[in-house]
Amino acid sequence: MRTEACKNGDRSASVVETHQSQVASPLPDRARLQESTEPPGAYAETVVQGGIVGDEAPVQLVSRDLLSDVPLPAEADFYNRYRWCLDACPVLREVVNHLWGELAKLDQVLGGWQQSEVITNIFLLSCSITDTIDDYLLGNAYDFSKLGRAFPWAKPGVYALETLVSVTSKLRRSRLVSLYRWKEVWRAAVTTFLNRCFVAGVSDRAVLLEQRNQLAQLLRTELPKGAEMRRAKIPAFFRSRDFAPHDCLELGLKLIASLPEDRRPVIVMGLRTAGSFLAPLLCAFLSRQLLHAEWLAVRPSKGLTAWEKGTLLQAAQKKARMIIVASKGPHHCPRA
């Protein structure tokens, strides 16, 4: 593809030429701004010509009013409340406070695009809490196997270190058992919220407020100080690849079309960080399709927790079909 830019009077035009060796696209193969006697900015004329290789198509002249670069008063009033978004790496305590604010806004916005934006923020903040708690519960992972292979004479010492780490991890898990239980209830509440208020859309405001109240009730639980001061990670799926939550739903539609009609249970395993956001959303979508679906999110580079191993074992006993959700595949596209 070759792009050329040229000047035409006081207007700029761009011409895009596509080699015939490329696959023909149903989109117009050339668009340019035309001369106009109207004042600049009054309207734009777009000429669409071609569209079929080797065949001439009729010229279509379309006039469009240019959008103003000044936000509408309603937009400025709404988005000016989100100055906290400038902090790209908040700690968990701040994420919880922001979520409290979004849940409270559902009493103020009564539908429209503002309500849709608030619900999207609730989804992102809620899943960020889940991801951060999962990382806190996982803790630090140590692998001394390389040390043992490099220094065979040090194997007794390596074994002692591994035993010490194992005992310490078990003591830590027993101390955090209440947080494990809270996280399970939180995961279920977030998935139900996505099922009833995000995937299906809001058809009943009473349902929306009911789901909001369940999340708010769970947020009253005091989290460990170590978890509250842990910084939340930003998934590359949204940060650098410019995907939106509804792209995951499109992925779900393709998945449903490819699944056999045997109605086996499904377990969605997301690879963190993005998996903590995509897995519950895809699970909620599959549940809307009358499939029995569960989900978990793991960080393979650090191993699995005892709970994650138990969840996978239960899924295997049910002969569940596993769907792995990653933020990118061979061509930097989301994969399921």
Protein backbone atom coordinates (compact mmCIF):
# COMPACT_ATOMS: atom_id res chain seq x y z
CA MET A 1 0.00 0.00 0.00
CA ARG A 2 1.34 3.48 -0.89
CA THR A 3 0.02 6.72 0.57
CA GLU A 4 0.62 10.09 -1.09
CA ALA A 5 -0.31 13.48 0.36
CA CYS A 6 -0.76 16.58 -1.78
CA LYS A 7 -2.07 20.13 -1.48
CA ASN A 8 -5.06 21.33 -3.43
CA GLY A 9 -5.62 25.03 -2.88
CA ASP A 10 -6.08 25.53 0.85
CA ARG A 11 -7.29 21.96 1.34
CA SER A 12 -5.19 18.83 1.85
CA ALA A 13 -5.94 15.55 0.16
CA SER A 14 -4.63 12.06 0.52
CA VAL A 15 -4.59 9.37 -2.12
CA VAL A 16 -4.15 5.74 -1.17
CA GLU A 17 -3.18 3.29 -3.90
CA THR A 18 -3.45 -0.43 -3.29
CA HIS A 19 -1.51 -2.90 -5.39
CA GLN A 20 -3.69 -5.37 -7.23
CA SER A 21 -1.64 -8.19 -5.76
CA GLN A 22 -3.31 -7.55 -2.42
CA VAL A 23 -6.69 -8.96 -1.49
CA ALA A 24 -9.50 -6.78 -2.78
CA SER A 25 -11.41 -4.99 -0.03
CA PRO A 26 -15.11 -4.14 -0.07
CA LEU A 27 -14.18 -0.73 1.34
CA PRO A 28 -13.63 2.24 -1.00
CA ASP A 29 -10.14 2.19 -2.46
CA ARG A 30 -9.79 5.96 -2.73
CA ALA A 31 -11.19 8.94 -0.83
CA ARG A 32 -10.30 12.61 -1.18
CA LEU A 33 -11.62 16.01 -0.25
CA GLN A 34 -12.93 18.10 -3.11
CA GLU A 35 -12.78 21.80 -3.80
CA SER A 36 -15.65 23.79 -2.37
CA THR A 37 -16.76 27.38 -2.53
CA GLU A 38 -18.17 27.13 1.00
CA PRO A 39 -16.17 28.53 3.94
CA PRO A 40 -13.57 26.11 5.33
CA GLY A 41 -15.03 23.86 8.00
CA ALA A 42 -18.62 24.29 6.84
CA TYR A 43 -18.76 20.82 5.41
CA ALA A 44 -16.57 18.12 3.97
CA GLU A 45 -17.19 16.46 0.61
CA THR A 46 -15.91 12.94 0.25
CA VAL A 47 -15.64 11.34 -3.16
CA VAL A 48 -15.76 7.55 -3.12
CA GLN A 49 -14.69 6.00 -6.38
CA GLY A 50 -13.86 2.45 -7.39
CA GLY A 51 -14.43 -0.38 -4.96
CA ILE A 52 -14.18 -3.13 -7.58
CA VAL A 53 -10.81 -3.84 -9.17
CA GLY A 54 -10.86 -3.32 -12.91
CA ASP A 55 -14.38 -1.90 -12.94
CA GLU A 56 -15.57 1.68 -12.75
CA ALA A 57 -18.10 2.54 -10.09
CA PRO A 58 -20.32 5.62 -10.01
CA VAL A 59 -19.00 8.60 -8.10
CA GLN A 60 -20.84 9.33 -4.85
CA LEU A 61 -20.77 12.85 -3.42
CA VAL A 62 -21.54 13.04 0.29
CA SER A 63 -21.67 16.16 2.46
CA ARG A 64 -21.04 15.90 6.18
CA ASP A 65 -20.95 18.62 8.81
CA LEU A 66 -17.63 18.57 10.60
CA LEU A 67 -17.82 17.74 14.30
CA SER A 68 -16.71 20.41 16.70
CA ASP A 69 -13.55 19.78 18.71
CA VAL A 70 -15.21 21.36 21.75
CA PRO A 71 -16.94 18.83 24.05
CA LEU A 72 -20.63 19.20 24.72
CA PRO A 73 -21.56 20.63 28.13
CA ALA A 74 -22.85 17.22 29.25
CA GLU A 75 -19.58 15.56 28.19
CA ALA A 76 -17.41 18.15 29.90
CA ASP A 77 -19.45 17.93 33.09
CA PHE A 78 -19.25 14.13 33.13
CA TYR A 79 -15.59 13.57 32.24
CA ASN A 80 -14.25 16.40 34.39
CA ARG A 81 -15.07 14.18 37.37
CA TYR A 82 -12.44 11.66 36.29
CA ARG A 83 -9.23 13.54 36.92
CA TRP A 84 -8.11 10.55 38.99
CA CYS A 85 -7.62 8.66 35.72
CA LEU A 86 -4.34 10.55 35.32
CA ASP A 87 -2.90 8.25 37.98
CA ALA A 88 -2.08 5.24 35.83
CA CYS A 89 -0.77 3.05 38.67
CA PRO A 90 -3.03 3.38 41.72
CA VAL A 91 -2.70 1.15 44.76
CA LEU A 92 -5.54 -1.21 45.63
CA ARG A 93 -6.91 1.11 48.31
CA GLU A 94 -7.35 3.85 45.70
CA VAL A 95 -8.98 1.43 43.26
CA VAL A 96 -11.51 0.47 45.95
CA ASN A 97 -12.25 4.16 46.63
CA HIS A 98 -12.75 4.84 42.92
CA LEU A 99 -15.12 1.88 42.70
CA TRP A 100 -17.11 3.25 45.64
CA GLY A 101 -17.48 6.47 43.68
CA GLU A 102 -18.69 4.70 40.54
CA LEU A 103 -21.23 2.62 42.47
CA ALA A 104 -22.59 5.81 44.04
CA LYS A 105 -22.94 7.45 40.60
CA LEU A 106 -25.60 4.93 39.63
CA ASP A 107 -27.95 6.93 41.87
CA GLN A 108 -27.19 10.06 39.83
CA VAL A 109 -27.13 8.86 36.22
CA LEU A 110 -30.49 7.58 35.01
CA GLY A 111 -29.66 5.85 31.76
CA GLY A 112 -28.07 6.98 28.52
CA TRP A 113 -24.40 6.92 27.62
CA GLN A 114 -23.40 8.18 31.07
CA GLN A 115 -24.83 5.07 32.73
CA SER A 116 -23.09 2.86 30.18
CA GLU A 117 -19.76 4.56 30.93
CA VAL A 118 -20.22 4.09 34.68
CA ILE A 119 -21.04 0.39 34.26
CA THR A 120 -17.90 -0.07 32.14
CA ASN A 121 -15.85 1.62 34.87
CA ILE A 122 -17.37 -0.70 37.47
CA PHE A 123 -16.35 -3.68 35.36
CA LEU A 124 -12.76 -2.46 34.98
CA LEU A 125 -12.29 -1.46 38.62
CA SER A 126 -13.91 -4.63 39.97
CA CYS A 127 -11.71 -6.88 37.86
CA SER A 128 -8.66 -4.83 38.83
CA ILE A 129 -9.44 -5.62 42.47
CA THR A 130 -9.71 -9.33 41.66
CA ASP A 131 -6.41 -9.33 39.78
CA THR A 132 -4.55 -7.50 42.54
CA ILE A 133 -5.94 -9.77 45.27
CA ASP A 134 -4.97 -12.85 43.23
CA ASP A 135 -1.39 -11.59 42.95
CA TYR A 136 -1.29 -10.86 46.66
CA LEU A 137 -2.55 -14.33 47.52
CA LEU A 138 -0.04 -15.92 45.17
CA GLY A 139 2.84 -14.21 46.93
CA ASN A 140 6.45 -14.70 45.87
CA ALA A 141 7.57 -17.83 44.07
CA TYR A 142 11.08 -19.23 44.42
CA ASP A 143 12.71 -21.88 42.24
CA PHE A 144 15.97 -23.35 43.53
CA SER A 145 16.19 -26.16 40.96
CA LYS A 146 18.84 -24.38 38.87
CA LEU A 147 20.99 -23.91 41.94
CA GLY A 148 20.82 -27.63 42.68
CA ARG A 149 21.77 -28.56 39.12
CA ALA A 150 24.67 -26.09 38.99
CA PHE A 151 26.09 -27.15 42.36
CA PRO A 152 25.25 -30.82 43.03
CA TRP A 153 27.15 -30.72 46.32
CA ALA A 154 24.69 -28.04 47.55
CA LYS A 155 21.57 -30.22 47.12
CA PRO A 156 21.09 -30.75 50.89
CA GLY A 157 21.09 -26.98 51.42
CA VAL A 158 18.70 -26.47 48.47
CA TYR A 159 16.35 -29.09 49.92
CA ALA A 160 16.40 -27.27 53.26
CA LEU A 161 15.57 -23.97 51.54
CA GLU A 162 12.69 -25.56 49.60
CA THR A 163 11.31 -27.06 52.80
CA LEU A 164 11.50 -23.71 54.58
CA VAL A 165 9.75 -21.91 51.72
CA SER A 166 7.04 -24.60 51.60
CA VAL A 167 6.35 -24.35 55.33
CA THR A 168 6.30 -20.54 55.17
CA SER A 169 3.85 -20.63 52.25
CA LYS A 170 1.50 -22.97 54.10
CA LEU A 171 1.53 -20.72 57.17
CA ARG A 172 0.79 -17.72 54.95
CA ARG A 173 -2.11 -19.50 53.25
CA SER A 174 -3.64 -20.41 56.60
CA ARG A 175 -3.35 -16.78 57.70
CA LEU A 176 -5.06 -15.55 54.51
CA VAL A 177 -7.85 -18.15 54.41
CA SER A 178 -10.50 -15.50 55.15
CA LEU A 179 -9.24 -13.42 52.21
CA TYR A 180 -9.45 -16.51 49.96
CA ARG A 181 -13.09 -16.95 50.96
CA TRP A 182 -13.89 -13.27 50.42
CA LYS A 183 -12.29 -13.35 46.98
CA GLU A 184 -14.48 -16.29 45.97
CA VAL A 185 -17.65 -14.42 46.93
CA TRP A 186 -16.34 -11.29 45.21
CA ARG A 187 -15.59 -13.18 41.99
CA ALA A 188 -19.10 -14.61 41.92
CA ALA A 189 -20.67 -11.18 42.55
CA VAL A 190 -18.63 -9.54 39.79
CA THR A 191 -19.53 -12.31 37.33
CA THR A 192 -23.22 -11.98 38.16
CA PHE A 193 -23.01 -8.20 37.72
CA LEU A 194 -21.45 -8.65 34.29
CA ASN A 195 -24.05 -11.26 33.35
CA ARG A 196 -27.08 -9.18 34.28
CA CYS A 197 -25.92 -5.60 33.75
CA PHE A 198 -23.13 -5.59 31.15
CA VAL A 199 -23.55 -8.48 28.72
CA ALA A 200 -27.34 -8.32 28.60
CA GLY A 201 -27.56 -4.55 28.96
CA VAL A 202 -29.66 -2.78 31.58
CA SER A 203 -33.34 -3.46 30.95
CA ASP A 204 -34.44 -3.17 34.58
CA ARG A 205 -32.96 -0.46 36.77
CA ALA A 206 -34.03 -2.33 39.90
CA VAL A 207 -31.76 -5.23 38.89
CA LEU A 208 -28.88 -2.83 38.31
CA LEU A 209 -29.24 -1.28 41.77
CA GLU A 210 -29.60 -4.72 43.35
CA GLN A 211 -26.33 -5.89 41.81
CA ARG A 212 -24.70 -2.59 42.77
CA ASN A 213 -25.72 -3.09 46.39
CA GLN A 214 -24.18 -6.57 46.47
CA LEU A 215 -20.82 -5.23 45.31
CA ALA A 216 -21.03 -2.33 47.76
CA GLN A 217 -21.74 -4.70 50.65
CA LEU A 218 -18.66 -6.78 49.85
CA LEU A 219 -16.48 -3.68 49.60
CA ARG A 220 -17.12 -3.00 53.28
CA THR A 221 -14.77 -5.85 54.16
CA GLU A 222 -11.43 -4.62 55.47
CA LEU A 223 -8.57 -5.93 53.36
CA PRO A 224 -5.05 -6.68 54.64
CA LYS A 225 -2.74 -3.65 54.67
CA GLY A 226 -0.25 -5.46 52.46
CA ALA A 227 -2.92 -5.99 49.83
CA GLU A 228 -4.25 -2.44 50.05
CA MET A 229 -0.82 -0.97 49.29
CA ARG A 230 -0.19 -3.26 46.32
CA ARG A 231 -0.24 -1.47 42.96
CA ALA A 232 -2.79 -2.58 40.39
CA LYS A 233 -1.56 -3.70 36.99
CA ILE A 234 -2.98 -2.39 33.72
CA PRO A 235 -3.79 -5.08 31.13
CA ALA A 236 -2.09 -4.59 27.77
CA PHE A 237 -5.38 -5.68 26.15
CA PHE A 238 -6.79 -2.23 26.94
CA ARG A 239 -3.61 -0.19 27.44
CA SER A 240 -1.57 -0.68 24.27
CA ARG A 241 -3.71 -2.74 21.88
CA ASP A 242 -6.72 -0.44 21.83
CA PHE A 243 -9.29 -3.16 22.46
CA ALA A 244 -12.58 -2.50 24.23
CA PRO A 245 -14.62 -4.79 26.51
CA HIS A 246 -17.13 -5.49 23.76
CA ASP A 247 -14.35 -6.94 21.62
CA CYS A 248 -14.30 -9.79 24.12
CA LEU A 249 -18.02 -10.33 23.50
CA GLU A 250 -17.34 -10.53 19.77
CA LEU A 251 -14.75 -13.18 20.55
CA GLY A 252 -17.44 -15.02 22.53
CA LEU A 253 -19.79 -15.00 19.54
CA LYS A 254 -17.14 -16.64 17.37
CA LEU A 255 -16.45 -19.14 20.12
CA ILE A 256 -20.11 -20.12 20.43
CA ALA A 257 -20.28 -20.69 16.68
CA SER A 258 -17.33 -23.08 16.82
CA LEU A 259 -18.30 -25.10 19.91
CA PRO A 260 -20.02 -28.46 19.40
CA GLU A 261 -23.56 -28.73 20.73
CA ASP A 262 -22.80 -31.21 23.49
CA ARG A 263 -23.49 -28.76 26.35
CA ARG A 264 -20.44 -29.84 28.30
CA PRO A 265 -19.53 -27.54 31.19
CA VAL A 266 -16.93 -24.91 30.39
CA ILE A 267 -14.10 -23.48 32.45
CA VAL A 268 -12.50 -20.29 31.20
CA MET A 269 -8.88 -19.86 32.26
CA GLY A 270 -7.50 -16.39 31.75
CA LEU A 271 -3.80 -15.58 31.73
CA ARG A 272 -3.20 -12.58 33.94
CA THR A 273 -3.17 -9.67 33.82
CA ALA A 274 -5.68 -9.40 30.96
CA GLY A 275 -7.19 -12.76 31.90
CA SER A 276 -8.60 -11.30 35.12
CA PHE A 277 -10.74 -9.01 32.94
CA LEU A 278 -11.49 -11.21 29.92
CA ALA A 279 -12.22 -14.48 31.73
CA PRO A 280 -15.13 -13.23 33.92
CA LEU A 281 -16.59 -11.29 31.01
CA LEU A 282 -16.41 -14.29 28.66
CA CYS A 283 -17.79 -16.52 31.43
CA ALA A 284 -20.74 -14.16 31.93
CA PHE A 285 -21.38 -14.18 28.17
CA LEU A 286 -21.29 -17.98 27.97
CA SER A 287 -23.71 -18.20 30.90
CA ARG A 288 -26.14 -16.06 28.92
CA GLN A 289 -25.93 -18.73 26.21
CA LEU A 290 -27.23 -21.33 28.72
CA LEU A 291 -23.82 -22.91 29.23
CA HIS A 292 -22.57 -23.89 32.67
CA ALA A 293 -19.38 -21.84 32.85
CA GLU A 294 -16.81 -21.09 35.52
CA TRP A 295 -13.58 -19.14 35.37
CA LEU A 296 -10.23 -18.55 36.99
CA ALA A 297 -7.21 -16.40 36.18
CA VAL A 298 -3.64 -17.60 36.63
CA ARG A 299 -0.13 -16.23 36.25
CA PRO A 300 1.73 -19.22 34.77
CA SER A 301 5.20 -17.73 35.26
CA LYS A 302 4.70 -17.88 39.05
CA GLY A 303 2.93 -21.22 39.32
CA LEU A 304 -0.52 -22.06 40.65
CA THR A 305 -1.99 -21.60 44.10
CA ALA A 306 -3.59 -24.51 45.94
CA TRP A 307 -7.03 -23.05 45.18
CA GLU A 308 -6.24 -22.76 41.45
CA LYS A 309 -5.02 -26.36 41.35
CA GLY A 310 -8.18 -27.49 43.14
CA THR A 311 -10.40 -25.62 40.69
CA LEU A 312 -8.69 -27.22 37.69
CA LEU A 313 -8.94 -30.67 39.29
CA GLN A 314 -12.69 -30.23 39.85
CA ALA A 315 -13.12 -29.12 36.24
CA ALA A 316 -11.27 -32.23 35.03
CA GLN A 317 -13.50 -34.46 37.13
CA LYS A 318 -16.56 -32.84 35.48
CA LYS A 319 -14.93 -33.36 32.04
CA ALA A 320 -15.30 -29.64 31.46
CA ARG A 321 -14.07 -28.07 28.25
CA MET A 322 -11.25 -25.62 28.96
CA ILE A 323 -11.05 -22.29 27.16
CA ILE A 324 -7.80 -20.37 27.62
CA VAL A 325 -8.02 -16.61 27.17
CA ALA A 326 -4.82 -14.67 26.52
CA SER A 327 -4.29 -11.01 25.72
CA LYS A 328 -2.43 -11.79 22.51
CA GLY A 329 -1.68 -14.59 20.11
CA PRO A 330 0.75 -15.06 17.22
CA HIS A 331 -0.41 -11.87 15.53
CA HIS A 332 -0.92 -9.79 18.69
CA CYS A 333 -4.62 -10.53 18.67
CA PRO A 334 -6.68 -11.78 21.61
CA ARG A 335 -6.99 -15.53 21.65
CA ALA A 336 -9.49 -17.95 23.15
